């Protein structure tokens, strides 16, 4: 009888703990406009010293253009162009880009270093 009572108590405790684990998290009230304004104070930041342009980020160098012509276009051999590009970028006997989370590089920097983080590799590709 005593074992049955202990088993029932353990079962009740387990059920209570399971139900407590399913409790929802408390909701947080949205910030007011004045509170949001305190978080984003653009006036504290100086404008950039020179105009910001995407052109240097996506610039294709002559070396990159040659690689595209010599390795991708010639190496296509009936493959889909996207597959040929993928093969040329990631095969060990080709460019073989490696993941490097240290910094986001421009297309030229990623090509030259043969490394880049996710954004660098997408920009270069």
PDB file of N, CA and C in Angstrom:
ATOM      1  N   UNK A   1       0.817  -1.170   0.000  1.00  0.00           N
ATOM      2  CA  UNK A   1       0.000   0.000   0.000  1.00  0.00           C
ATOM      3  C   UNK A   1       0.876   1.255   0.000  1.00  0.00           C
ATOM      4  N   UNK A   2       1.918   1.198   0.826  1.00  0.00           N
ATOM      5  CA  UNK A   2       2.787   2.352   0.934  1.00  0.00           C
ATOM      6  C   UNK A   2       3.526   2.613  -0.381  1.00  0.00           C
ATOM      7  N   UNK A   3       3.933   1.563  -1.098  1.00  0.00           N
ATOM      8  CA  UNK A   3       4.598   1.689  -2.392  1.00  0.00           C
ATOM      9  C   UNK A   3       3.655   2.334  -3.394  1.00  0.00           C
ATOM     10  N   UNK A   4       2.394   1.932  -3.364  1.00  0.00           N
ATOM     11  CA  UNK A   4       1.408   2.499  -4.276  1.00  0.00           C
ATOM     12  C   UNK A   4       1.207   3.985  -3.994  1.00  0.00           C
ATOM     13  N   UNK A   5       1.202   4.361  -2.745  1.00  0.00           N
ATOM     14  CA  UNK A   5       1.032   5.765  -2.371  1.00  0.00           C
ATOM     15  C   UNK A   5       2.233   6.588  -2.832  1.00  0.00           C
ATOM     16  N   UNK A   6       3.449   6.040  -2.693  1.00  0.00           N
ATOM     17  CA  UNK A   6       4.652   6.731  -3.159  1.00  0.00           C
ATOM     18  C   UNK A   6       4.647   6.863  -4.678  1.00  0.00           C
ATOM     19  N   UNK A   7       4.210   5.815  -5.364  1.00  0.00           N
ATOM     20  CA  UNK A   7       4.138   5.852  -6.820  1.00  0.00           C
ATOM     21  C   UNK A   7       3.148   6.915  -7.279  1.00  0.00           C
ATOM     22  N   UNK A   8       2.007   7.022  -6.610  1.00  0.00           N
ATOM     23  CA  UNK A   8       0.999   8.031  -6.961  1.00  0.00           C
ATOM     24  C   UNK A   8       1.537   9.435  -6.694  1.00  0.00           C
ATOM     25  N   UNK A   9       2.249   9.602  -5.607  1.00  0.00           N
ATOM     26  CA  UNK A   9       2.822  10.912  -5.288  1.00  0.00           C
ATOM     27  C   UNK A   9       3.860  11.302  -6.336  1.00  0.00           C
ATOM     28  N   UNK A  10       4.706  10.345  -6.731  1.00  0.00           N
ATOM     29  CA  UNK A  10       5.719  10.606  -7.753  1.00  0.00           C
ATOM     30  C   UNK A  10       5.064  10.942  -9.083  1.00  0.00           C
ATOM     31  N   UNK A  11       4.001  10.238  -9.431  1.00  0.00           N
ATOM     32  CA  UNK A  11       3.275  10.489 -10.673  1.00  0.00           C
ATOM     33  C   UNK A  11       2.639  11.872 -10.648  1.00  0.00           C
ATOM     34  N   UNK A  12       2.057  12.242  -9.531  1.00  0.00           N
ATOM     35  CA  UNK A  12       1.434  13.563  -9.388  1.00  0.00           C
ATOM     36  C   UNK A  12       2.481  14.671  -9.502  1.00  0.00           C
ATOM     37  N   UNK A  13       3.626  14.460  -8.855  1.00  0.00           N
ATOM     38  CA  UNK A  13       4.697  15.440  -8.916  1.00  0.00           C
ATOM     39  C   UNK A  13       5.222  15.578 -10.342  1.00  0.00           C
ATOM     40  N   UNK A  14       5.390  14.454 -11.029  1.00  0.00           N
ATOM     41  CA  UNK A  14       5.860  14.481 -12.417  1.00  0.00           C
ATOM     42  C   UNK A  14       4.877  15.227 -13.305  1.00  0.00           C
ATOM     43  N   UNK A  15       3.604  14.946 -13.142  1.00  0.00           N
ATOM     44  CA  UNK A  15       2.589  15.629 -13.954  1.00  0.00           C
ATOM     45  C   UNK A  15       2.595  17.129 -13.687  1.00  0.00           C
ATOM     46  N   UNK A  16       2.741  17.495 -12.422  1.00  0.00           N
ATOM     47  CA  UNK A  16       2.783  18.925 -12.063  1.00  0.00           C
ATOM     48  C   UNK A  16       3.985  19.608 -12.705  1.00  0.00           C
ATOM     49  N   UNK A  17       5.135  18.958 -12.663  1.00  0.00           N
ATOM     50  CA  UNK A  17       6.337  19.525 -13.270  1.00  0.00           C
ATOM     51  C   UNK A  17       6.191  19.643 -14.780  1.00  0.00           C
ATOM     52  N   UNK A  18       5.600  18.643 -15.411  1.00  0.00           N
ATOM     53  CA  UNK A  18       5.376  18.705 -16.858  1.00  0.00           C
ATOM     54  C   UNK A  18       4.449  19.852 -17.223  1.00  0.00           C
ATOM     55  N   UNK A  19       3.388  20.009 -16.475  1.00  0.00           N
ATOM     56  CA  UNK A  19       2.454  21.096 -16.752  1.00  0.00           C
ATOM     57  C   UNK A  19       3.097  22.455 -16.511  1.00  0.00           C
ATOM     58  N   UNK A  20       3.936  22.561 -15.491  1.00  0.00           N
ATOM     59  CA  UNK A  20       4.619  23.822 -15.212  1.00  0.00           C
ATOM     60  C   UNK A  20       5.588  24.160 -16.346  1.00  0.00           C
ATOM     61  N   UNK A  21       6.190  23.146 -16.951  1.00  0.00           N
ATOM     62  CA  UNK A  21       7.102  23.358 -18.072  1.00  0.00           C
ATOM     63  C   UNK A  21       6.393  23.882 -19.307  1.00  0.00           C
ATOM     64  N   UNK A  22       5.100  23.656 -19.401  1.00  0.00           N
ATOM     65  CA  UNK A  22       4.328  24.111 -20.557  1.00  0.00           C
ATOM     66  C   UNK A  22       3.757  25.507 -20.354  1.00  0.00           C
ATOM     67  N   UNK A  23       3.977  26.099 -19.209  1.00  0.00           N
ATOM     68  CA  UNK A  23       3.425  27.434 -18.932  1.00  0.00           C
ATOM     69  C   UNK A  23       4.007  28.427 -19.926  1.00  0.00           C
ATOM     70  N   UNK A  24       3.219  29.375 -20.343  1.00  0.00           N
ATOM     71  CA  UNK A  24       3.692  30.348 -21.326  1.00  0.00           C
ATOM     72  C   UNK A  24       4.542  31.413 -20.650  1.00  0.00           C
ATOM     73  N   UNK A  25       5.417  31.996 -21.441  1.00  0.00           N
ATOM     74  CA  UNK A  25       6.282  33.061 -20.938  1.00  0.00           C
ATOM     75  C   UNK A  25       5.463  34.334 -20.775  1.00  0.00           C
ATOM     76  N   UNK A  26       5.865  35.167 -19.867  1.00  0.00           N
ATOM     77  CA  UNK A  26       5.123  36.420 -19.684  1.00  0.00           C
ATOM     78  C   UNK A  26       5.273  37.310 -20.912  1.00  0.00           C
ATOM     79  N   UNK A  27       4.240  38.078 -21.198  1.00  0.00           N
ATOM     80  CA  UNK A  27       4.293  38.994 -22.334  1.00  0.00           C
ATOM     81  C   UNK A  27       4.958  40.292 -21.904  1.00  0.00           C
ATOM     82  N   UNK A  28       5.617  40.925 -22.852  1.00  0.00           N
ATOM     83  CA  UNK A  28       6.308  42.180 -22.584  1.00  0.00           C
ATOM     84  C   UNK A  28       5.569  43.282 -23.325  1.00  0.00           C
ATOM     85  N   UNK A  29       5.286  44.346 -22.643  1.00  0.00           N
ATOM     86  CA  UNK A  29       4.575  45.467 -23.259  1.00  0.00           C
ATOM     87  C   UNK A  29       5.474  46.136 -24.291  1.00  0.00           C
ATOM     88  N   UNK A  30       4.922  46.553 -25.432  1.00  0.00           N
ATOM     89  CA  UNK A  30       5.743  47.228 -26.446  1.00  0.00           C
ATOM     90  C   UNK A  30       6.260  48.563 -25.916  1.00  0.00           C
ATOM     91  N   UNK A  31       7.388  48.984 -26.447  1.00  0.00           N
ATOM     92  CA  UNK A  31       7.980  50.253 -26.035  1.00  0.00           C
ATOM     93  C   UNK A  31       7.163  51.421 -26.578  1.00  0.00           C
ATOM     94  N   UNK A  32       7.101  52.471 -25.822  1.00  0.00           N
ATOM     95  CA  UNK A  32       6.427  53.678 -26.292  1.00  0.00           C
ATOM     96  C   UNK A  32       7.324  54.383 -27.300  1.00  0.00           C
ATOM     97  N   UNK A  33       6.768  55.332 -28.025  1.00  0.00           N
ATOM     98  CA  UNK A  33       7.539  56.078 -29.020  1.00  0.00           C
ATOM     99  C   UNK A  33       8.707  56.817 -28.376  1.00  0.00           C
ATOM    100  N   UNK A  34       8.493  57.372 -27.198  1.00  0.00           N
ATOM    101  CA  UNK A  34       9.582  58.111 -26.538  1.00  0.00           C
ATOM    102  C   UNK A  34      10.689  57.162 -26.078  1.00  0.00           C
ATOM    103  N   UNK A  35      10.317  55.980 -25.621  1.00  0.00           N
ATOM    104  CA  UNK A  35      11.327  54.995 -25.203  1.00  0.00           C
ATOM    105  C   UNK A  35      12.126  54.514 -26.405  1.00  0.00           C
ATOM    106  N   UNK A  36      11.457  54.318 -27.536  1.00  0.00           N
ATOM    107  CA  UNK A  36      12.139  53.893 -28.763  1.00  0.00           C
ATOM    108  C   UNK A  36      13.088  54.986 -29.234  1.00  0.00           C
ATOM    109  N   UNK A  37      12.655  56.227 -29.167  1.00  0.00           N
ATOM    110  CA  UNK A  37      13.493  57.349 -29.593  1.00  0.00           C
ATOM    111  C   UNK A  37      14.773  57.430 -28.762  1.00  0.00           C
ATOM    112  N   UNK A  38      14.694  57.050 -27.499  1.00  0.00           N
ATOM    113  CA  UNK A  38      15.885  57.073 -26.644  1.00  0.00           C
ATOM    114  C   UNK A  38      16.898  56.014 -27.078  1.00  0.00           C
ATOM    115  N   UNK A  39      16.405  54.916 -27.649  1.00  0.00           N
ATOM    116  CA  UNK A  39      17.296  53.844 -28.090  1.00  0.00           C
ATOM    117  C   UNK A  39      18.016  54.196 -29.390  1.00  0.00           C
ATOM    118  N   UNK A  40      17.335  54.883 -30.282  1.00  0.00           N
ATOM    119  CA  UNK A  40      17.881  55.189 -31.604  1.00  0.00           C
ATOM    120  C   UNK A  40      18.151  56.686 -31.715  1.00  0.00           C
ATOM    121  N   UNK A  41      19.360  57.076 -31.398  1.00  0.00           N
ATOM    122  CA  UNK A  41      19.734  58.482 -31.472  1.00  0.00           C
ATOM    123  C   UNK A  41      20.756  58.660 -32.599  1.00  0.00           C
ATOM    124  N   UNK A  42      20.230  58.790 -33.806  1.00  0.00           N
ATOM    125  CA  UNK A  42      21.092  58.940 -34.974  1.00  0.00           C
ATOM    126  C   UNK A  42      21.976  60.168 -34.885  1.00  0.00           C
ATOM    127  N   UNK A  43      21.539  61.178 -34.144  1.00  0.00           N
ATOM    128  CA  UNK A  43      22.317  62.406 -34.029  1.00  0.00           C
ATOM    129  C   UNK A  43      23.670  62.167 -33.356  1.00  0.00           C
ATOM    130  N   UNK A  44      23.817  61.069 -32.664  1.00  0.00           N
ATOM    131  CA  UNK A  44      25.088  60.755 -32.001  1.00  0.00           C
ATOM    132  C   UNK A  44      26.130  60.169 -32.956  1.00  0.00           C
ATOM    133  N   UNK A  45      25.732  59.893 -34.188  1.00  0.00           N
ATOM    134  CA  UNK A  45      26.642  59.302 -35.163  1.00  0.00           C
ATOM    135  C   UNK A  45      26.956  60.309 -36.256  1.00  0.00           C
ATOM    136  N   UNK A  46      28.214  60.429 -36.580  1.00  0.00           N
ATOM    137  CA  UNK A  46      28.634  61.333 -37.647  1.00  0.00           C
ATOM    138  C   UNK A  46      28.326  60.705 -39.003  1.00  0.00           C
ATOM    139  N   UNK A  47      28.070  61.516 -40.000  1.00  0.00           N
ATOM    140  CA  UNK A  47      27.856  60.951 -41.340  1.00  0.00           C
ATOM    141  C   UNK A  47      29.156  60.330 -41.840  1.00  0.00           C
ATOM    142  N   UNK A  48      29.081  59.405 -42.797  1.00  0.00           N
ATOM    143  CA  UNK A  48      30.305  58.772 -43.302  1.00  0.00           C
ATOM    144  C   UNK A  48      31.236  59.808 -43.937  1.00  0.00           C
ATOM    145  N   UNK A  49      32.526  59.571 -43.847  1.00  0.00           N
ATOM    146  CA  UNK A  49      33.525  60.499 -44.387  1.00  0.00           C
ATOM    147  C   UNK A  49      33.438  60.586 -45.906  1.00  0.00           C
ATOM    148  N   UNK A  50      33.089  59.483 -46.547  1.00  0.00           N
ATOM    149  CA  UNK A  50      32.925  59.482 -47.998  1.00  0.00           C
ATOM    150  C   UNK A  50      31.622  58.759 -48.320  1.00  0.00           C
ATOM    151  N   UNK A  51      31.063  59.034 -49.490  1.00  0.00           N
ATOM    152  CA  UNK A  51      29.796  58.380 -49.841  1.00  0.00           C
ATOM    153  C   UNK A  51      29.931  56.850 -49.842  1.00  0.00           C
ATOM    154  N   UNK A  52      28.892  56.187 -49.406  1.00  0.00           N
ATOM    155  CA  UNK A  52      28.886  54.729 -49.358  1.00  0.00           C
ATOM    156  C   UNK A  52      28.349  54.215 -50.686  1.00  0.00           C
ATOM    157  N   UNK A  53      29.069  53.271 -51.272  1.00  0.00           N
ATOM    158  CA  UNK A  53      28.672  52.721 -52.567  1.00  0.00           C
ATOM    159  C   UNK A  53      28.829  51.210 -52.547  1.00  0.00           C
ATOM    160  N   UNK A  54      27.943  50.523 -53.245  1.00  0.00           N
ATOM    161  CA  UNK A  54      28.026  49.065 -53.336  1.00  0.00           C
ATOM    162  C   UNK A  54      29.012  48.622 -54.413  1.00  0.00           C
ATOM    163  N   UNK A  55      29.421  49.535 -55.266  1.00  0.00           N
ATOM    164  CA  UNK A  55      30.299  49.168 -56.383  1.00  0.00           C
ATOM    165  C   UNK A  55      31.578  48.441 -55.951  1.00  0.00           C
ATOM    166  N   UNK A  56      32.328  48.934 -54.954  1.00  0.00           N
ATOM    167  CA  UNK A  56      33.541  48.218 -54.557  1.00  0.00           C
ATOM    168  C   UNK A  56      33.249  46.822 -53.990  1.00  0.00           C
ATOM    169  N   UNK A  57      32.102  46.665 -53.389  1.00  0.00           N
ATOM    170  CA  UNK A  57      31.748  45.371 -52.789  1.00  0.00           C
ATOM    171  C   UNK A  57      31.620  44.300 -53.863  1.00  0.00           C
ATOM    172  N   UNK A  58      31.018  44.667 -55.006  1.00  0.00           N
ATOM    173  CA  UNK A  58      30.739  43.701 -56.066  1.00  0.00           C
ATOM    174  C   UNK A  58      31.705  43.792 -57.248  1.00  0.00           C
ATOM    175  N   UNK A  59      32.755  44.584 -57.140  1.00  0.00           N
ATOM    176  CA  UNK A  59      33.680  44.778 -58.258  1.00  0.00           C
ATOM    177  C   UNK A  59      34.274  43.450 -58.723  1.00  0.00           C
ATOM    178  N   UNK A  60      34.305  43.270 -60.044  1.00  0.00           N
ATOM    179  CA  UNK A  60      34.898  42.077 -60.658  1.00  0.00           C
ATOM    180  C   UNK A  60      36.229  42.499 -61.265  1.00  0.00           C
ATOM    181  N   UNK A  61      37.298  41.884 -60.814  1.00  0.00           N
ATOM    182  CA  UNK A  61      38.639  42.224 -61.302  1.00  0.00           C
ATOM    183  C   UNK A  61      38.949  41.447 -62.579  1.00  0.00           C
ATOM    184  N   UNK A  62      39.983  41.859 -63.315  1.00  0.00           N
ATOM    185  CA  UNK A  62      40.385  41.092 -64.496  1.00  0.00           C
ATOM    186  C   UNK A  62      40.724  39.630 -64.152  1.00  0.00           C
ATOM    187  N   UNK A  63      41.349  39.402 -63.000  1.00  0.00           N
ATOM    188  CA  UNK A  63      41.687  38.028 -62.592  1.00  0.00           C
ATOM    189  C   UNK A  63      40.418  37.208 -62.383  1.00  0.00           C
ATOM    190  N   UNK A  64      39.406  37.821 -61.793  1.00  0.00           N
ATOM    191  CA  UNK A  64      38.134  37.122 -61.576  1.00  0.00           C
ATOM    192  C   UNK A  64      37.470  36.828 -62.921  1.00  0.00           C
ATOM    193  N   UNK A  65      37.523  37.794 -63.823  1.00  0.00           N
ATOM    194  CA  UNK A  65      36.928  37.611 -65.159  1.00  0.00           C
ATOM    195  C   UNK A  65      37.640  36.484 -65.910  1.00  0.00           C
ATOM    196  N   UNK A  66      38.983  36.445 -65.834  1.00  0.00           N
ATOM    197  CA  UNK A  66      39.742  35.363 -66.476  1.00  0.00           C
ATOM    198  C   UNK A  66      39.348  34.007 -65.895  1.00  0.00           C
ATOM    199  N   UNK A  67      39.238  33.933 -64.580  1.00  0.00           N
ATOM    200  CA  UNK A  67      38.856  32.680 -63.934  1.00  0.00           C
ATOM    201  C   UNK A  67      37.483  32.232 -64.415  1.00  0.00           C
ATOM    202  N   UNK A  68      36.571  33.163 -64.521  1.00  0.00           N
ATOM    203  CA  UNK A  68      35.230  32.847 -65.003  1.00  0.00           C
ATOM    204  C   UNK A  68      35.284  32.282 -66.418  1.00  0.00           C
ATOM    205  N   UNK A  69      36.062  32.915 -67.278  1.00  0.00           N
ATOM    206  CA  UNK A  69      36.162  32.450 -68.670  1.00  0.00           C
ATOM    207  C   UNK A  69      36.895  31.109 -68.774  1.00  0.00           C
ATOM    208  N   UNK A  70      38.024  30.995 -68.086  1.00  0.00           N
ATOM    209  CA  UNK A  70      38.873  29.812 -68.243  1.00  0.00           C
ATOM    210  C   UNK A  70      38.379  28.599 -67.461  1.00  0.00           C
ATOM    211  N   UNK A  71      37.909  28.794 -66.257  1.00  0.00           N
ATOM    212  CA  UNK A  71      37.518  27.660 -65.425  1.00  0.00           C
ATOM    213  C   UNK A  71      36.026  27.332 -65.490  1.00  0.00           C
ATOM    214  N   UNK A  72      35.214  28.348 -65.554  1.00  0.00           N
ATOM    215  CA  UNK A  72      33.772  28.101 -65.508  1.00  0.00           C
ATOM    216  C   UNK A  72      33.221  27.858 -66.907  1.00  0.00           C
ATOM    217  N   UNK A  73      33.452  28.797 -67.799  1.00  0.00           N
ATOM    218  CA  UNK A  73      32.870  28.677 -69.137  1.00  0.00           C
ATOM    219  C   UNK A  73      33.462  27.496 -69.909  1.00  0.00           C
ATOM    220  N   UNK A  74      34.780  27.338 -69.859  1.00  0.00           N
ATOM    221  CA  UNK A  74      35.411  26.211 -70.562  1.00  0.00           C
ATOM    222  C   UNK A  74      35.132  24.888 -69.872  1.00  0.00           C
ATOM    223  N   UNK A  75      34.974  24.923 -68.568  1.00  0.00           N
ATOM    224  CA  UNK A  75      34.746  23.695 -67.810  1.00  0.00           C
ATOM    225  C   UNK A  75      33.291  23.278 -67.743  1.00  0.00           C
ATOM    226  N   UNK A  76      32.438  23.974 -68.461  1.00  0.00           N
ATOM    227  CA  UNK A  76      31.004  23.708 -68.381  1.00  0.00           C
ATOM    228  C   UNK A  76      30.668  22.321 -68.932  1.00  0.00           C
ATOM    229  N   UNK A  77      31.209  21.943 -70.065  1.00  0.00           N
ATOM    230  CA  UNK A  77      31.019  20.613 -70.670  1.00  0.00           C
ATOM    231  C   UNK A  77      29.569  20.129 -70.599  1.00  0.00           C
ATOM    232  N   UNK A  78      28.659  20.949 -71.064  1.00  0.00           N
ATOM    233  CA  UNK A  78      27.253  20.553 -71.109  1.00  0.00           C
ATOM    234  C   UNK A  78      26.509  20.695 -69.797  1.00  0.00           C
ATOM    235  N   UNK A  79      27.198  21.087 -68.738  1.00  0.00           N
ATOM    236  CA  UNK A  79      26.544  21.279 -67.441  1.00  0.00           C
ATOM    237  C   UNK A  79      25.782  22.595 -67.440  1.00  0.00           C
ATOM    238  N   UNK A  80      24.836  22.677 -66.548  1.00  0.00           N
ATOM    239  CA  UNK A  80      24.154  23.933 -66.281  1.00  0.00           C
ATOM    240  C   UNK A  80      25.206  24.933 -65.817  1.00  0.00           C
ATOM    241  N   UNK A  81      25.113  26.183 -66.257  1.00  0.00           N
ATOM    242  CA  UNK A  81      26.108  27.195 -65.917  1.00  0.00           C
ATOM    243  C   UNK A  81      26.241  27.386 -64.415  1.00  0.00           C
ATOM    244  N   UNK A  82      25.138  27.310 -63.687  1.00  0.00           N
ATOM    245  CA  UNK A  82      25.197  27.459 -62.225  1.00  0.00           C
ATOM    246  C   UNK A  82      25.976  26.323 -61.591  1.00  0.00           C
ATOM    247  N   UNK A  83      25.792  25.095 -62.108  1.00  0.00           N
ATOM    248  CA  UNK A  83      26.524  23.949 -61.574  1.00  0.00           C
ATOM    249  C   UNK A  83      28.011  24.076 -61.898  1.00  0.00           C
ATOM    250  N   UNK A  84      28.332  24.551 -63.092  1.00  0.00           N
ATOM    251  CA  UNK A  84      29.732  24.749 -63.472  1.00  0.00           C
ATOM    252  C   UNK A  84      30.390  25.795 -62.569  1.00  0.00           C
ATOM    253  N   UNK A  85      29.668  26.873 -62.249  1.00  0.00           N
ATOM    254  CA  UNK A  85      30.194  27.894 -61.355  1.00  0.00           C
ATOM    255  C   UNK A  85      30.417  27.308 -59.963  1.00  0.00           C
ATOM    256  N   UNK A  86      29.445  26.568 -59.468  1.00  0.00           N
ATOM    257  CA  UNK A  86      29.575  25.940 -58.150  1.00  0.00           C
ATOM    258  C   UNK A  86      30.789  25.015 -58.120  1.00  0.00           C
ATOM    259  N   UNK A  87      30.932  24.176 -59.142  1.00  0.00           N
ATOM    260  CA  UNK A  87      32.066  23.252 -59.201  1.00  0.00           C
ATOM    261  C   UNK A  87      33.392  24.016 -59.206  1.00  0.00           C
ATOM    262  N   UNK A  88      33.467  25.080 -59.989  1.00  0.00           N
ATOM    263  CA  UNK A  88      34.714  25.839 -60.091  1.00  0.00           C
ATOM    264  C   UNK A  88      35.055  26.539 -58.777  1.00  0.00           C
ATOM    265  N   UNK A  89      34.058  26.911 -58.013  1.00  0.00           N
ATOM    266  CA  UNK A  89      34.311  27.631 -56.768  1.00  0.00           C
ATOM    267  C   UNK A  89      34.647  26.711 -55.603  1.00  0.00           C
ATOM    268  N   UNK A  90      34.115  25.509 -55.588  1.00  0.00           N
ATOM    269  CA  UNK A  90      34.219  24.695 -54.374  1.00  0.00           C
ATOM    270  C   UNK A  90      34.978  23.378 -54.524  1.00  0.00           C
ATOM    271  N   UNK A  91      35.345  22.989 -55.725  1.00  0.00           N
ATOM    272  CA  UNK A  91      36.108  21.747 -55.874  1.00  0.00           C
ATOM    273  C   UNK A  91      37.552  21.946 -55.426  1.00  0.00           C
ATOM    274  N   UNK A  92      38.136  20.910 -54.844  1.00  0.00           N
ATOM    275  CA  UNK A  92      39.497  21.002 -54.313  1.00  0.00           C
ATOM    276  C   UNK A  92      40.533  21.305 -55.395  1.00  0.00           C
ATOM    277  N   UNK A  93      40.306  20.840 -56.633  1.00  0.00           N
ATOM    278  CA  UNK A  93      41.268  21.094 -57.698  1.00  0.00           C
ATOM    279  C   UNK A  93      41.001  22.415 -58.419  1.00  0.00           C
ATOM    280  N   UNK A  94      40.061  23.187 -57.922  1.00  0.00           N
ATOM    281  CA  UNK A  94      39.743  24.493 -58.518  1.00  0.00           C
ATOM    282  C   UNK A  94      39.998  25.585 -57.491  1.00  0.00           C
ATOM    283  N   UNK A  95      39.160  26.593 -57.427  1.00  0.00           N
ATOM    284  CA  UNK A  95      39.347  27.724 -56.517  1.00  0.00           C
ATOM    285  C   UNK A  95      39.228  27.302 -55.056  1.00  0.00           C
ATOM    286  N   UNK A  96      38.331  26.416 -54.748  1.00  0.00           N
ATOM    287  CA  UNK A  96      38.074  25.886 -53.409  1.00  0.00           C
ATOM    288  C   UNK A  96      38.026  26.970 -52.337  1.00  0.00           C
ATOM    289  N   UNK A  97      36.905  27.656 -52.291  1.00  0.00           N
ATOM    290  CA  UNK A  97      36.710  28.676 -51.265  1.00  0.00           C
ATOM    291  C   UNK A  97      36.484  28.021 -49.918  1.00  0.00           C
ATOM    292  N   UNK A  98      37.031  28.617 -48.879  1.00  0.00           N
ATOM    293  CA  UNK A  98      36.871  28.090 -47.533  1.00  0.00           C
ATOM    294  C   UNK A  98      36.111  29.080 -46.673  1.00  0.00           C
ATOM    295  N   UNK A  99      35.353  28.539 -45.736  1.00  0.00           N
ATOM    296  CA  UNK A  99      34.583  29.386 -44.825  1.00  0.00           C
ATOM    297  C   UNK A  99      35.506  29.989 -43.783  1.00  0.00           C
ATOM    298  N   UNK A 100      35.347  31.292 -43.562  1.00  0.00           N
ATOM    299  CA  UNK A 100      36.140  32.003 -42.561  1.00  0.00           C
ATOM    300  C   UNK A 100      35.237  33.072 -41.956  1.00  0.00           C
ATOM    301  N   UNK A 101      34.890  32.913 -40.700  1.00  0.00           N
ATOM    302  CA  UNK A 101      33.939  33.824 -40.061  1.00  0.00           C
ATOM    303  C   UNK A 101      34.596  35.089 -39.521  1.00  0.00           C
ATOM    304  N   UNK A 102      35.888  35.268 -39.737  1.00  0.00           N
ATOM    305  CA  UNK A 102      36.601  36.396 -39.138  1.00  0.00           C
ATOM    306  C   UNK A 102      36.118  37.751 -39.638  1.00  0.00           C
ATOM    307  N   UNK A 103      35.749  37.842 -40.922  1.00  0.00           N
ATOM    308  CA  UNK A 103      35.318  39.136 -41.460  1.00  0.00           C
ATOM    309  C   UNK A 103      34.491  38.945 -42.719  1.00  0.00           C
ATOM    310  N   UNK A 104      33.734  39.971 -43.064  1.00  0.00           N
ATOM    311  CA  UNK A 104      33.003  39.977 -44.329  1.00  0.00           C
ATOM    312  C   UNK A 104      33.884  40.674 -45.341  1.00  0.00           C
ATOM    313  N   UNK A 105      34.210  39.972 -46.407  1.00  0.00           N
ATOM    314  CA  UNK A 105      35.098  40.514 -47.437  1.00  0.00           C
ATOM    315  C   UNK A 105      34.296  40.962 -48.652  1.00  0.00           C
ATOM    316  N   UNK A 106      34.899  41.826 -49.451  1.00  0.00           N
ATOM    317  CA  UNK A 106      34.315  42.180 -50.739  1.00  0.00           C
ATOM    318  C   UNK A 106      34.510  40.985 -51.666  1.00  0.00           C
ATOM    319  N   UNK A 107      33.926  41.043 -52.854  1.00  0.00           N
ATOM    320  CA  UNK A 107      34.089  39.956 -53.819  1.00  0.00           C
ATOM    321  C   UNK A 107      35.562  39.766 -54.161  1.00  0.00           C
ATOM    322  N   UNK A 108      36.262  40.865 -54.398  1.00  0.00           N
ATOM    323  CA  UNK A 108      37.681  40.786 -54.740  1.00  0.00           C
ATOM    324  C   UNK A 108      38.502  40.202 -53.597  1.00  0.00           C
ATOM    325  N   UNK A 109      38.241  40.633 -52.379  1.00  0.00           N
ATOM    326  CA  UNK A 109      38.980  40.118 -51.224  1.00  0.00           C
ATOM    327  C   UNK A 109      38.723  38.629 -51.015  1.00  0.00           C
ATOM    328  N   UNK A 110      37.475  38.200 -51.182  1.00  0.00           N
ATOM    329  CA  UNK A 110      37.140  36.779 -51.017  1.00  0.00           C
ATOM    330  C   UNK A 110      37.822  35.946 -52.097  1.00  0.00           C
ATOM    331  N   UNK A 111      37.827  36.442 -53.331  1.00  0.00           N
ATOM    332  CA  UNK A 111      38.469  35.727 -54.433  1.00  0.00           C
ATOM    333  C   UNK A 111      39.969  35.607 -54.192  1.00  0.00           C
ATOM    334  N   UNK A 112      40.599  36.697 -53.799  1.00  0.00           N
ATOM    335  CA  UNK A 112      42.047  36.712 -53.583  1.00  0.00           C
ATOM    336  C   UNK A 112      42.453  35.835 -52.404  1.00  0.00           C
ATOM    337  N   UNK A 113      41.709  35.936 -51.305  1.00  0.00           N
ATOM    338  CA  UNK A 113      42.049  35.169 -50.097  1.00  0.00           C
ATOM    339  C   UNK A 113      41.569  33.720 -50.175  1.00  0.00           C
ATOM    340  N   UNK A 114      40.657  33.437 -51.107  1.00  0.00           N
ATOM    341  CA  UNK A 114      40.041  32.102 -51.234  1.00  0.00           C
ATOM    342  C   UNK A 114      39.286  31.731 -49.969  1.00  0.00           C
ATOM    343  N   UNK A 115      38.790  32.745 -49.263  1.00  0.00           N
ATOM    344  CA  UNK A 115      38.072  32.536 -48.018  1.00  0.00           C
ATOM    345  C   UNK A 115      37.024  33.625 -47.844  1.00  0.00           C
ATOM    346  N   UNK A 116      36.020  33.319 -47.034  1.00  0.00           N
ATOM    347  CA  UNK A 116      35.030  34.320 -46.693  1.00  0.00           C
ATOM    348  C   UNK A 116      33.942  33.743 -45.819  1.00  0.00           C
ATOM    349  N   UNK A 117      33.194  34.631 -45.181  1.00  0.00           N
ATOM    350  CA  UNK A 117      32.041  34.163 -44.412  1.00  0.00           C
ATOM    351  C   UNK A 117      30.862  34.007 -45.372  1.00  0.00           C
ATOM    352  N   UNK A 118      29.700  33.697 -44.858  1.00  0.00           N
ATOM    353  CA  UNK A 118      28.552  33.435 -45.723  1.00  0.00           C
ATOM    354  C   UNK A 118      28.269  34.608 -46.655  1.00  0.00           C
ATOM    355  N   UNK A 119      28.242  35.815 -46.108  1.00  0.00           N
ATOM    356  CA  UNK A 119      27.936  36.984 -46.925  1.00  0.00           C
ATOM    357  C   UNK A 119      29.024  37.230 -47.962  1.00  0.00           C
ATOM    358  N   UNK A 120      30.285  37.069 -47.587  1.00  0.00           N
ATOM    359  CA  UNK A 120      31.384  37.249 -48.534  1.00  0.00           C
ATOM    360  C   UNK A 120      31.258  36.295 -49.708  1.00  0.00           C
ATOM    361  N   UNK A 121      30.966  35.038 -49.425  1.00  0.00           N
ATOM    362  CA  UNK A 121      30.878  34.036 -50.480  1.00  0.00           C
ATOM    363  C   UNK A 121      29.675  34.278 -51.379  1.00  0.00           C
ATOM    364  N   UNK A 122      28.580  34.739 -50.803  1.00  0.00           N
ATOM    365  CA  UNK A 122      27.400  35.064 -51.620  1.00  0.00           C
ATOM    366  C   UNK A 122      27.714  36.267 -52.510  1.00  0.00           C
ATOM    367  N   UNK A 123      28.333  37.285 -51.963  1.00  0.00           N
ATOM    368  CA  UNK A 123      28.702  38.473 -52.751  1.00  0.00           C
ATOM    369  C   UNK A 123      29.600  38.068 -53.896  1.00  0.00           C
ATOM    370  N   UNK A 124      30.613  37.266 -53.628  1.00  0.00           N
ATOM    371  CA  UNK A 124      31.533  36.880 -54.677  1.00  0.00           C
ATOM    372  C   UNK A 124      30.862  36.020 -55.741  1.00  0.00           C
ATOM    373  N   UNK A 125      30.034  35.098 -55.309  1.00  0.00           N
ATOM    374  CA  UNK A 125      29.356  34.214 -56.262  1.00  0.00           C
ATOM    375  C   UNK A 125      28.412  35.010 -57.123  1.00  0.00           C
TER     376      UNK A 125
END
